[in-house]
């Protein structure tokens, strides 16, 4: 006689695991790539873990990290691993009270740059709306420490929007600009229509103002921004965002595919093809960007140092 017992239903954890495996299995072939040489990963991972510092390469599980490490480039995540914003796309931890700043972090980052022989370093951070200056002074302290430890290393900053009030935002930007980074990067992330669901706590115009104000303060500093596609934007909206970036004087741009970090994050609406990325890159160059990286696996720091001239010893 058949059993009347209903088949066991999967638990929520099992459902999440099944859903994640299904989504990974659906990835297009062009988004699958080997992780890279274990030696290139382990050397960097060992140094940063020993010093209890963070890189966005690891926190964000960047698919290009081994390639960047091999090219003597890395992106350090300053001010702890917990963000005060709650963007719908980002892998970085959020929703917890941020840790107090580690007073030794600038020196630890500088020492890591020296030990790894990095020729180009990107300094980024979580948003720290809890700090009186939004973390602007911490960027400067870390830049100074890196320069003292490795004078020929070029430094790019990838900052949050530093928002508090317009006057406070401008003062914070001025603090970082005065330290003369090789490049000032602030990501627009997505088109204007999708800013709300994708970048909770950020504003389209506010981000454009960051880049505009950098150029107003020091037109010699290269500015840069990045866009993710796959949230449901149209090509026309991407072109408009690129035009808006160029109107601020933005020099460089990156375009890459959004890939969902977990089922708790926004789902991917569309996977853009390599050919479409090539076309977007062509459009960006036509608009006057001096340095363009456009491809499915491109991230904001991908080949970041490729446009920089060799440093003089």
C-alpha atoms as a PDB file:
ATOM      1  CA  UNK A   1       0.000   0.000   0.000  1.00  0.00           C
ATOM      2  CA  UNK A   2       1.485   3.380  -0.952  1.00  0.00           C
ATOM      3  CA  UNK A   3       2.576   5.585   1.912  1.00  0.00           C
ATOM      4  CA  UNK A   4       0.400   8.597   2.629  1.00  0.00           C
ATOM      5  CA  UNK A   5       3.396  10.559   3.887  1.00  0.00           C
ATOM      6  CA  UNK A   6       4.094  13.684   1.788  1.00  0.00           C
ATOM      7  CA  UNK A   7       7.565  13.985   0.311  1.00  0.00           C
ATOM      8  CA  UNK A   8       9.933  16.037   2.466  1.00  0.00           C
ATOM      9  CA  UNK A   9      10.046  19.691   1.506  1.00  0.00           C
ATOM     10  CA  UNK A  10      13.434  21.362   1.183  1.00  0.00           C
ATOM     11  CA  UNK A  11      14.451  23.680   4.001  1.00  0.00           C
ATOM     12  CA  UNK A  12      14.953  27.384   3.291  1.00  0.00           C
ATOM     13  CA  UNK A  13      18.734  26.869   3.353  1.00  0.00           C
ATOM     14  CA  UNK A  14      18.412  24.000   0.868  1.00  0.00           C
ATOM     15  CA  UNK A  15      16.147  26.104  -1.372  1.00  0.00           C
ATOM     16  CA  UNK A  16      18.667  28.939  -1.296  1.00  0.00           C
ATOM     17  CA  UNK A  17      21.481  26.556  -2.202  1.00  0.00           C
ATOM     18  CA  UNK A  18      19.445  25.020  -5.023  1.00  0.00           C
ATOM     19  CA  UNK A  19      18.499  28.461  -6.343  1.00  0.00           C
ATOM     20  CA  UNK A  20      22.104  29.652  -6.239  1.00  0.00           C
ATOM     21  CA  UNK A  21      23.363  26.547  -8.063  1.00  0.00           C
ATOM     22  CA  UNK A  22      20.663  27.003 -10.695  1.00  0.00           C
ATOM     23  CA  UNK A  23      21.646  30.634 -11.216  1.00  0.00           C
ATOM     24  CA  UNK A  24      25.346  29.805 -11.481  1.00  0.00           C
ATOM     25  CA  UNK A  25      24.562  27.033 -13.961  1.00  0.00           C
ATOM     26  CA  UNK A  26      22.696  29.567 -16.101  1.00  0.00           C
ATOM     27  CA  UNK A  27      25.730  31.851 -16.446  1.00  0.00           C
ATOM     28  CA  UNK A  28      26.715  32.424 -20.068  1.00  0.00           C
ATOM     29  CA  UNK A  29      30.001  30.866 -21.140  1.00  0.00           C
ATOM     30  CA  UNK A  30      31.683  34.258 -21.457  1.00  0.00           C
ATOM     31  CA  UNK A  31      31.265  34.852 -17.709  1.00  0.00           C
ATOM     32  CA  UNK A  32      33.098  31.673 -16.754  1.00  0.00           C
ATOM     33  CA  UNK A  33      36.818  31.952 -16.253  1.00  0.00           C
ATOM     34  CA  UNK A  34      39.490  30.138 -14.233  1.00  0.00           C
ATOM     35  CA  UNK A  35      40.283  31.681 -10.858  1.00  0.00           C
ATOM     36  CA  UNK A  36      43.972  32.069 -11.740  1.00  0.00           C
ATOM     37  CA  UNK A  37      47.223  30.733 -10.347  1.00  0.00           C
ATOM     38  CA  UNK A  38      46.967  29.683  -6.721  1.00  0.00           C
ATOM     39  CA  UNK A  39      50.440  31.109  -6.019  1.00  0.00           C
ATOM     40  CA  UNK A  40      49.408  34.592  -7.144  1.00  0.00           C
ATOM     41  CA  UNK A  41      46.350  34.474  -4.916  1.00  0.00           C
ATOM     42  CA  UNK A  42      47.969  32.917  -1.864  1.00  0.00           C
ATOM     43  CA  UNK A  43      50.882  35.366  -1.649  1.00  0.00           C
ATOM     44  CA  UNK A  44      48.591  38.384  -1.491  1.00  0.00           C
ATOM     45  CA  UNK A  45      46.020  36.673   0.720  1.00  0.00           C
ATOM     46  CA  UNK A  46      48.675  35.670   3.239  1.00  0.00           C
ATOM     47  CA  UNK A  47      50.064  39.203   3.528  1.00  0.00           C
ATOM     48  CA  UNK A  48      46.677  40.900   3.943  1.00  0.00           C
ATOM     49  CA  UNK A  49      45.352  38.318   6.401  1.00  0.00           C
ATOM     50  CA  UNK A  50      48.470  38.529   8.564  1.00  0.00           C
ATOM     51  CA  UNK A  51      47.879  42.280   8.869  1.00  0.00           C
ATOM     52  CA  UNK A  52      44.100  42.088   9.333  1.00  0.00           C
ATOM     53  CA  UNK A  53      43.445  44.433   6.431  1.00  0.00           C
ATOM     54  CA  UNK A  54      41.006  44.071   3.571  1.00  0.00           C
ATOM     55  CA  UNK A  55      40.959  44.264  -0.208  1.00  0.00           C
ATOM     56  CA  UNK A  56      37.863  44.721  -2.338  1.00  0.00           C
ATOM     57  CA  UNK A  57      39.430  42.068  -4.568  1.00  0.00           C
ATOM     58  CA  UNK A  58      38.710  39.506  -1.841  1.00  0.00           C
ATOM     59  CA  UNK A  59      35.665  41.038  -0.118  1.00  0.00           C
ATOM     60  CA  UNK A  60      33.929  41.469  -3.489  1.00  0.00           C
ATOM     61  CA  UNK A  61      35.197  38.118  -4.848  1.00  0.00           C
ATOM     62  CA  UNK A  62      36.449  39.820  -7.973  1.00  0.00           C
ATOM     63  CA  UNK A  63      36.950  37.367 -10.870  1.00  0.00           C
ATOM     64  CA  UNK A  64      40.053  39.252 -12.019  1.00  0.00           C
ATOM     65  CA  UNK A  65      41.997  39.332  -8.777  1.00  0.00           C
ATOM     66  CA  UNK A  66      44.699  36.837  -9.756  1.00  0.00           C
ATOM     67  CA  UNK A  67      45.332  38.710 -13.007  1.00  0.00           C
ATOM     68  CA  UNK A  68      45.602  42.033 -11.189  1.00  0.00           C
ATOM     69  CA  UNK A  69      47.901  40.585  -8.521  1.00  0.00           C
ATOM     70  CA  UNK A  70      50.142  39.204 -11.282  1.00  0.00           C
ATOM     71  CA  UNK A  71      50.267  42.705 -12.807  1.00  0.00           C
ATOM     72  CA  UNK A  72      51.314  44.179  -9.428  1.00  0.00           C
ATOM     73  CA  UNK A  73      48.001  45.919  -8.876  1.00  0.00           C
ATOM     74  CA  UNK A  74      45.575  45.578  -5.965  1.00  0.00           C
ATOM     75  CA  UNK A  75      42.644  47.463  -4.453  1.00  0.00           C
ATOM     76  CA  UNK A  76      42.627  47.948  -0.685  1.00  0.00           C
ATOM     77  CA  UNK A  77      39.371  48.379   1.216  1.00  0.00           C
ATOM     78  CA  UNK A  78      39.871  50.957   3.950  1.00  0.00           C
ATOM     79  CA  UNK A  79      38.051  51.583   7.221  1.00  0.00           C
ATOM     80  CA  UNK A  80      36.857  48.040   7.856  1.00  0.00           C
ATOM     81  CA  UNK A  81      34.647  45.576   5.989  1.00  0.00           C
ATOM     82  CA  UNK A  82      31.242  46.939   7.071  1.00  0.00           C
ATOM     83  CA  UNK A  83      29.414  49.612   5.054  1.00  0.00           C
ATOM     84  CA  UNK A  84      26.889  52.129   6.410  1.00  0.00           C
ATOM     85  CA  UNK A  85      24.945  52.007   3.127  1.00  0.00           C
ATOM     86  CA  UNK A  86      22.834  49.082   1.885  1.00  0.00           C
ATOM     87  CA  UNK A  87      23.209  48.989  -1.897  1.00  0.00           C
ATOM     88  CA  UNK A  88      21.300  46.161  -3.546  1.00  0.00           C
ATOM     89  CA  UNK A  89      24.195  44.904  -5.672  1.00  0.00           C
ATOM     90  CA  UNK A  90      27.207  44.935  -3.376  1.00  0.00           C
ATOM     91  CA  UNK A  91      28.922  41.946  -1.761  1.00  0.00           C
ATOM     92  CA  UNK A  92      30.462  44.004   1.061  1.00  0.00           C
ATOM     93  CA  UNK A  93      29.011  43.416   4.527  1.00  0.00           C
ATOM     94  CA  UNK A  94      26.319  45.802   5.716  1.00  0.00           C
ATOM     95  CA  UNK A  95      23.666  46.115   8.363  1.00  0.00           C
ATOM     96  CA  UNK A  96      26.064  45.989  11.324  1.00  0.00           C
ATOM     97  CA  UNK A  97      27.725  48.692  13.373  1.00  0.00           C
ATOM     98  CA  UNK A  98      31.036  49.571  11.658  1.00  0.00           C
ATOM     99  CA  UNK A  99      34.212  48.728  13.523  1.00  0.00           C
ATOM    100  CA  UNK A 100      36.335  51.493  15.057  1.00  0.00           C
ATOM    101  CA  UNK A 101      39.143  52.590  12.776  1.00  0.00           C
ATOM    102  CA  UNK A 102      42.369  50.662  13.190  1.00  0.00           C
ATOM    103  CA  UNK A 103      45.027  53.353  13.823  1.00  0.00           C
ATOM    104  CA  UNK A 104      47.642  51.084  12.253  1.00  0.00           C
ATOM    105  CA  UNK A 105      45.701  50.451   9.039  1.00  0.00           C
ATOM    106  CA  UNK A 106      47.447  53.102   6.882  1.00  0.00           C
ATOM    107  CA  UNK A 107      50.848  51.680   7.844  1.00  0.00           C
ATOM    108  CA  UNK A 108      49.687  48.089   7.342  1.00  0.00           C
ATOM    109  CA  UNK A 109      48.450  48.917   3.843  1.00  0.00           C
ATOM    110  CA  UNK A 110      51.696  50.733   3.055  1.00  0.00           C
ATOM    111  CA  UNK A 111      53.763  47.810   4.260  1.00  0.00           C
ATOM    112  CA  UNK A 112      51.701  45.422   2.130  1.00  0.00           C
ATOM    113  CA  UNK A 113      52.197  47.618  -0.944  1.00  0.00           C
ATOM    114  CA  UNK A 114      55.957  47.552  -0.363  1.00  0.00           C
ATOM    115  CA  UNK A 115      56.157  43.799   0.273  1.00  0.00           C
ATOM    116  CA  UNK A 116      54.071  42.998  -2.805  1.00  0.00           C
ATOM    117  CA  UNK A 117      56.006  45.403  -5.000  1.00  0.00           C
ATOM    118  CA  UNK A 118      52.819  47.044  -6.241  1.00  0.00           C
ATOM    119  CA  UNK A 119      53.392  49.619  -8.947  1.00  0.00           C
ATOM    120  CA  UNK A 120      49.779  50.812  -8.901  1.00  0.00           C
ATOM    121  CA  UNK A 121      47.391  50.698  -5.960  1.00  0.00           C
ATOM    122  CA  UNK A 122      43.730  51.600  -5.679  1.00  0.00           C
ATOM    123  CA  UNK A 123      42.482  52.780  -2.298  1.00  0.00           C
ATOM    124  CA  UNK A 124      38.744  52.403  -1.840  1.00  0.00           C
ATOM    125  CA  UNK A 125      36.510  52.199   1.211  1.00  0.00           C
ATOM    126  CA  UNK A 126      33.149  51.276   2.545  1.00  0.00           C
ATOM    127  CA  UNK A 127      30.854  54.257   3.089  1.00  0.00           C
ATOM    128  CA  UNK A 128      31.458  55.562   6.604  1.00  0.00           C
ATOM    129  CA  UNK A 129      28.628  58.020   7.170  1.00  0.00           C
ATOM    130  CA  UNK A 130      29.296  57.654  10.897  1.00  0.00           C
ATOM    131  CA  UNK A 131      32.631  59.481  10.679  1.00  0.00           C
ATOM    132  CA  UNK A 132      32.834  63.259  11.031  1.00  0.00           C
ATOM    133  CA  UNK A 133      34.598  63.654   7.671  1.00  0.00           C
ATOM    134  CA  UNK A 134      33.151  60.579   5.968  1.00  0.00           C
ATOM    135  CA  UNK A 135      36.626  59.051   5.940  1.00  0.00           C
ATOM    136  CA  UNK A 136      38.261  61.657   3.686  1.00  0.00           C
ATOM    137  CA  UNK A 137      41.141  62.212   6.084  1.00  0.00           C
ATOM    138  CA  UNK A 138      41.736  58.457   6.300  1.00  0.00           C
ATOM    139  CA  UNK A 139      42.268  58.289   2.549  1.00  0.00           C
ATOM    140  CA  UNK A 140      44.907  61.011   2.896  1.00  0.00           C
ATOM    141  CA  UNK A 141      46.660  59.299   5.829  1.00  0.00           C
ATOM    142  CA  UNK A 142      46.850  56.069   3.865  1.00  0.00           C
ATOM    143  CA  UNK A 143      48.138  57.819   0.740  1.00  0.00           C
ATOM    144  CA  UNK A 144      50.865  59.473   2.790  1.00  0.00           C
ATOM    145  CA  UNK A 145      51.865  56.147   4.345  1.00  0.00           C
ATOM    146  CA  UNK A 146      51.999  54.397   0.968  1.00  0.00           C
ATOM    147  CA  UNK A 147      54.158  57.142  -0.517  1.00  0.00           C
ATOM    148  CA  UNK A 148      56.547  56.974   2.408  1.00  0.00           C
ATOM    149  CA  UNK A 149      56.907  53.207   1.987  1.00  0.00           C
ATOM    150  CA  UNK A 150      56.929  53.034  -1.824  1.00  0.00           C
ATOM    151  CA  UNK A 151      57.619  56.368  -3.493  1.00  0.00           C
ATOM    152  CA  UNK A 152      57.149  55.110  -7.067  1.00  0.00           C
ATOM    153  CA  UNK A 153      53.735  53.509  -6.511  1.00  0.00           C
ATOM    154  CA  UNK A 154      50.941  55.414  -8.247  1.00  0.00           C
ATOM    155  CA  UNK A 155      47.768  55.796  -6.172  1.00  0.00           C
ATOM    156  CA  UNK A 156      44.194  55.877  -7.429  1.00  0.00           C
ATOM    157  CA  UNK A 157      41.366  56.601  -5.004  1.00  0.00           C
ATOM    158  CA  UNK A 158      37.898  55.126  -5.449  1.00  0.00           C
ATOM    159  CA  UNK A 159      35.776  57.049  -2.985  1.00  0.00           C
ATOM    160  CA  UNK A 160      32.184  57.038  -1.765  1.00  0.00           C
ATOM    161  CA  UNK A 161      30.183  60.196  -2.442  1.00  0.00           C
ATOM    162  CA  UNK A 162      31.158  61.744   0.952  1.00  0.00           C
ATOM    163  CA  UNK A 163      27.622  63.075   1.308  1.00  0.00           C
ATOM    164  CA  UNK A 164      26.463  65.017   4.355  1.00  0.00           C
ATOM    165  CA  UNK A 165      25.595  68.467   3.080  1.00  0.00           C
ATOM    166  CA  UNK A 166      26.774  70.123  -0.109  1.00  0.00           C
ATOM    167  CA  UNK A 167      29.342  72.185   1.791  1.00  0.00           C
ATOM    168  CA  UNK A 168      30.589  69.193   3.770  1.00  0.00           C
ATOM    169  CA  UNK A 169      30.773  67.015   0.660  1.00  0.00           C
ATOM    170  CA  UNK A 170      32.855  69.610  -1.159  1.00  0.00           C
ATOM    171  CA  UNK A 171      35.206  70.015   1.801  1.00  0.00           C
ATOM    172  CA  UNK A 172      35.738  66.259   2.014  1.00  0.00           C
ATOM    173  CA  UNK A 173      36.467  66.028  -1.711  1.00  0.00           C
ATOM    174  CA  UNK A 174      38.897  68.939  -1.387  1.00  0.00           C
ATOM    175  CA  UNK A 175      40.740  67.105   1.399  1.00  0.00           C
ATOM    176  CA  UNK A 176      41.400  64.138  -0.899  1.00  0.00           C
ATOM    177  CA  UNK A 177      42.121  66.220  -4.007  1.00  0.00           C
ATOM    178  CA  UNK A 178      44.756  68.212  -2.106  1.00  0.00           C
ATOM    179  CA  UNK A 179      46.681  64.966  -1.576  1.00  0.00           C
ATOM    180  CA  UNK A 180      47.070  64.639  -5.371  1.00  0.00           C
ATOM    181  CA  UNK A 181      45.977  61.102  -6.260  1.00  0.00           C
ATOM    182  CA  UNK A 182      46.980  59.913  -9.724  1.00  0.00           C
ATOM    183  CA  UNK A 183      43.302  59.275 -10.429  1.00  0.00           C
ATOM    184  CA  UNK A 184      40.085  60.129  -8.579  1.00  0.00           C
ATOM    185  CA  UNK A 185      37.453  57.453  -9.191  1.00  0.00           C
ATOM    186  CA  UNK A 186      33.840  57.572  -8.088  1.00  0.00           C
ATOM    187  CA  UNK A 187      31.404  55.075  -9.572  1.00  0.00           C
ATOM    188  CA  UNK A 188      28.036  56.092 -10.948  1.00  0.00           C
ATOM    189  CA  UNK A 189      27.213  52.342 -10.964  1.00  0.00           C
ATOM    190  CA  UNK A 190      23.956  52.482 -12.935  1.00  0.00           C
ATOM    191  CA  UNK A 191      21.704  54.680 -15.032  1.00  0.00           C
ATOM    192  CA  UNK A 192      19.618  57.472 -13.528  1.00  0.00           C
ATOM    193  CA  UNK A 193      16.299  55.575 -13.528  1.00  0.00           C
ATOM    194  CA  UNK A 194      17.715  52.675 -11.506  1.00  0.00           C
ATOM    195  CA  UNK A 195      19.678  54.588  -8.872  1.00  0.00           C
ATOM    196  CA  UNK A 196      17.025  54.075  -6.173  1.00  0.00           C
ATOM    197  CA  UNK A 197      16.831  50.265  -6.085  1.00  0.00           C
ATOM    198  CA  UNK A 198      20.487  49.694  -6.989  1.00  0.00           C
ATOM    199  CA  UNK A 199      22.268  52.375  -4.944  1.00  0.00           C
ATOM    200  CA  UNK A 200      20.249  52.867  -1.799  1.00  0.00           C
ATOM    201  CA  UNK A 201      21.360  56.065  -0.122  1.00  0.00           C
ATOM    202  CA  UNK A 202      23.087  57.481  -3.205  1.00  0.00           C
ATOM    203  CA  UNK A 203      21.894  59.968  -5.813  1.00  0.00           C
ATOM    204  CA  UNK A 204      22.714  60.240  -9.503  1.00  0.00           C
ATOM    205  CA  UNK A 205      23.280  64.000  -9.488  1.00  0.00           C
ATOM    206  CA  UNK A 206      25.214  63.833  -6.242  1.00  0.00           C
ATOM    207  CA  UNK A 207      27.691  61.372  -7.771  1.00  0.00           C
ATOM    208  CA  UNK A 208      28.106  63.502 -10.892  1.00  0.00           C
ATOM    209  CA  UNK A 209      28.798  66.447  -8.566  1.00  0.00           C
ATOM    210  CA  UNK A 210      31.699  64.531  -6.986  1.00  0.00           C
ATOM    211  CA  UNK A 211      33.464  64.193 -10.330  1.00  0.00           C
ATOM    212  CA  UNK A 212      32.560  67.731 -11.366  1.00  0.00           C
ATOM    213  CA  UNK A 213      33.948  69.194  -8.138  1.00  0.00           C
ATOM    214  CA  UNK A 214      37.230  67.287  -8.445  1.00  0.00           C
ATOM    215  CA  UNK A 215      37.824  68.877 -11.847  1.00  0.00           C
ATOM    216  CA  UNK A 216      36.826  72.307 -10.527  1.00  0.00           C
ATOM    217  CA  UNK A 217      39.394  71.996  -7.748  1.00  0.00           C
ATOM    218  CA  UNK A 218      42.219  70.563  -9.869  1.00  0.00           C
ATOM    219  CA  UNK A 219      41.685  69.982 -13.572  1.00  0.00           C
ATOM    220  CA  UNK A 220      45.013  68.117 -13.817  1.00  0.00           C
ATOM    221  CA  UNK A 221      43.694  65.179 -11.768  1.00  0.00           C
ATOM    222  CA  UNK A 222      42.344  62.370 -13.916  1.00  0.00           C
ATOM    223  CA  UNK A 223      38.761  61.413 -13.045  1.00  0.00           C
ATOM    224  CA  UNK A 224      37.098  58.081 -13.611  1.00  0.00           C
ATOM    225  CA  UNK A 225      33.780  56.338 -13.119  1.00  0.00           C
ATOM    226  CA  UNK A 226      32.184  52.940 -13.694  1.00  0.00           C
ATOM    227  CA  UNK A 227      28.849  51.468 -14.734  1.00  0.00           C
ATOM    228  CA  UNK A 228      27.406  47.992 -14.215  1.00  0.00           C
ATOM    229  CA  UNK A 229      24.913  46.678 -16.737  1.00  0.00           C
ATOM    230  CA  UNK A 230      22.350  43.949 -16.229  1.00  0.00           C
ATOM    231  CA  UNK A 231      19.860  45.728 -13.960  1.00  0.00           C
ATOM    232  CA  UNK A 232      17.324  46.340 -16.716  1.00  0.00           C
ATOM    233  CA  UNK A 233      18.795  49.479 -18.270  1.00  0.00           C
ATOM    234  CA  UNK A 234      18.539  50.244 -21.979  1.00  0.00           C
ATOM    235  CA  UNK A 235      21.377  51.116 -24.330  1.00  0.00           C
ATOM    236  CA  UNK A 236      19.938  54.629 -24.665  1.00  0.00           C
ATOM    237  CA  UNK A 237      20.068  55.057 -20.872  1.00  0.00           C
ATOM    238  CA  UNK A 238      23.684  53.883 -20.774  1.00  0.00           C
ATOM    239  CA  UNK A 239      24.626  56.347 -23.501  1.00  0.00           C
ATOM    240  CA  UNK A 240      22.904  59.139 -21.565  1.00  0.00           C
ATOM    241  CA  UNK A 241      24.871  58.203 -18.431  1.00  0.00           C
ATOM    242  CA  UNK A 242      28.112  58.241 -20.432  1.00  0.00           C
ATOM    243  CA  UNK A 243      27.217  61.661 -21.835  1.00  0.00           C
ATOM    244  CA  UNK A 244      26.445  62.939 -18.324  1.00  0.00           C
ATOM    245  CA  UNK A 245      29.836  61.674 -17.124  1.00  0.00           C
ATOM    246  CA  UNK A 246      31.639  63.372 -19.989  1.00  0.00           C
ATOM    247  CA  UNK A 247      29.808  66.613 -19.162  1.00  0.00           C
ATOM    248  CA  UNK A 248      31.584  66.603 -15.777  1.00  0.00           C
ATOM    249  CA  UNK A 249      34.950  66.247 -17.527  1.00  0.00           C
ATOM    250  CA  UNK A 250      35.285  62.574 -16.559  1.00  0.00           C
ATOM    251  CA  UNK A 251      38.308  61.109 -18.366  1.00  0.00           C
ATOM    252  CA  UNK A 252      38.020  57.338 -17.903  1.00  0.00           C
ATOM    253  CA  UNK A 253      35.214  54.823 -17.684  1.00  0.00           C
ATOM    254  CA  UNK A 254      34.694  51.127 -17.009  1.00  0.00           C
ATOM    255  CA  UNK A 255      31.683  49.080 -18.091  1.00  0.00           C
ATOM    256  CA  UNK A 256      31.042  45.577 -16.755  1.00  0.00           C
ATOM    257  CA  UNK A 257      28.341  43.001 -16.170  1.00  0.00           C
ATOM    258  CA  UNK A 258      26.518  42.883 -12.848  1.00  0.00           C
ATOM    259  CA  UNK A 259      26.744  39.401 -11.356  1.00  0.00           C
ATOM    260  CA  UNK A 260      24.489  38.594  -8.412  1.00  0.00           C
ATOM    261  CA  UNK A 261      26.587  37.847  -5.299  1.00  0.00           C
ATOM    262  CA  UNK A 262      23.793  35.934  -3.540  1.00  0.00           C
ATOM    263  CA  UNK A 263      20.042  35.384  -3.612  1.00  0.00           C
ATOM    264  CA  UNK A 264      19.718  38.236  -1.091  1.00  0.00           C
ATOM    265  CA  UNK A 265      20.950  40.672  -3.751  1.00  0.00           C
ATOM    266  CA  UNK A 266      19.186  42.090  -6.787  1.00  0.00           C
ATOM    267  CA  UNK A 267      18.624  39.520  -9.544  1.00  0.00           C
ATOM    268  CA  UNK A 268      20.303  39.911 -12.914  1.00  0.00           C
ATOM    269  CA  UNK A 269      17.810  41.177 -15.475  1.00  0.00           C
ATOM    270  CA  UNK A 270      20.003  40.582 -18.504  1.00  0.00           C
ATOM    271  CA  UNK A 271      23.431  39.315 -19.487  1.00  0.00           C
ATOM    272  CA  UNK A 272      24.949  41.646 -22.066  1.00  0.00           C
ATOM    273  CA  UNK A 273      27.069  39.909 -24.701  1.00  0.00           C
ATOM    274  CA  UNK A 274      30.759  40.548 -25.424  1.00  0.00           C
ATOM    275  CA  UNK A 275      29.769  42.092 -28.751  1.00  0.00           C
ATOM    276  CA  UNK A 276      27.427  44.515 -26.985  1.00  0.00           C
ATOM    277  CA  UNK A 277      30.196  45.476 -24.563  1.00  0.00           C
ATOM    278  CA  UNK A 278      32.491  46.104 -27.508  1.00  0.00           C
ATOM    279  CA  UNK A 279      29.866  48.425 -28.984  1.00  0.00           C
ATOM    280  CA  UNK A 280      29.422  50.269 -25.677  1.00  0.00           C
ATOM    281  CA  UNK A 281      33.187  50.709 -25.452  1.00  0.00           C
ATOM    282  CA  UNK A 282      33.244  52.096 -28.999  1.00  0.00           C
ATOM    283  CA  UNK A 283      30.506  54.597 -28.089  1.00  0.00           C
ATOM    284  CA  UNK A 284      32.409  55.662 -24.956  1.00  0.00           C
ATOM    285  CA  UNK A 285      35.555  56.325 -27.001  1.00  0.00           C
ATOM    286  CA  UNK A 286      33.557  58.329 -29.510  1.00  0.00           C
ATOM    287  CA  UNK A 287      32.237  60.457 -26.656  1.00  0.00           C
ATOM    288  CA  UNK A 288      35.822  61.359 -25.754  1.00  0.00           C
ATOM    289  CA  UNK A 289      36.805  59.142 -22.820  1.00  0.00           C
ATOM    290  CA  UNK A 290      40.584  58.788 -22.930  1.00  0.00           C
ATOM    291  CA  UNK A 291      40.679  55.331 -21.339  1.00  0.00           C
ATOM    292  CA  UNK A 292      37.859  52.798 -21.679  1.00  0.00           C
ATOM    293  CA  UNK A 293      37.524  49.261 -20.355  1.00  0.00           C
ATOM    294  CA  UNK A 294      34.322  47.551 -21.468  1.00  0.00           C
ATOM    295  CA  UNK A 295      33.655  43.829 -21.082  1.00  0.00           C
ATOM    296  CA  UNK A 296      31.560  41.312 -19.143  1.00  0.00           C
ATOM    297  CA  UNK A 297      34.189  40.739 -16.432  1.00  0.00           C
ATOM    298  CA  UNK A 298      35.481  44.313 -16.237  1.00  0.00           C
ATOM    299  CA  UNK A 299      35.352  45.843 -12.766  1.00  0.00           C
ATOM    300  CA  UNK A 300      36.095  49.405 -11.696  1.00  0.00           C
ATOM    301  CA  UNK A 301      39.754  48.705 -10.906  1.00  0.00           C
ATOM    302  CA  UNK A 302      40.401  46.365 -13.839  1.00  0.00           C
ATOM    303  CA  UNK A 303      43.686  47.311 -15.558  1.00  0.00           C
ATOM    304  CA  UNK A 304      43.522  50.472 -13.470  1.00  0.00           C
ATOM    305  CA  UNK A 305      47.202  51.237 -13.915  1.00  0.00           C
ATOM    306  CA  UNK A 306      47.336  50.530 -17.631  1.00  0.00           C
ATOM    307  CA  UNK A 307      46.845  54.173 -18.581  1.00  0.00           C
ATOM    308  CA  UNK A 308      49.507  55.469 -16.217  1.00  0.00           C
ATOM    309  CA  UNK A 309      53.016  56.236 -17.472  1.00  0.00           C
ATOM    310  CA  UNK A 310      55.808  54.316 -15.757  1.00  0.00           C
ATOM    311  CA  UNK A 311      56.817  55.885 -12.444  1.00  0.00           C
ATOM    312  CA  UNK A 312      60.214  57.502 -12.188  1.00  0.00           C
ATOM    313  CA  UNK A 313      62.439  56.201  -9.430  1.00  0.00           C
END
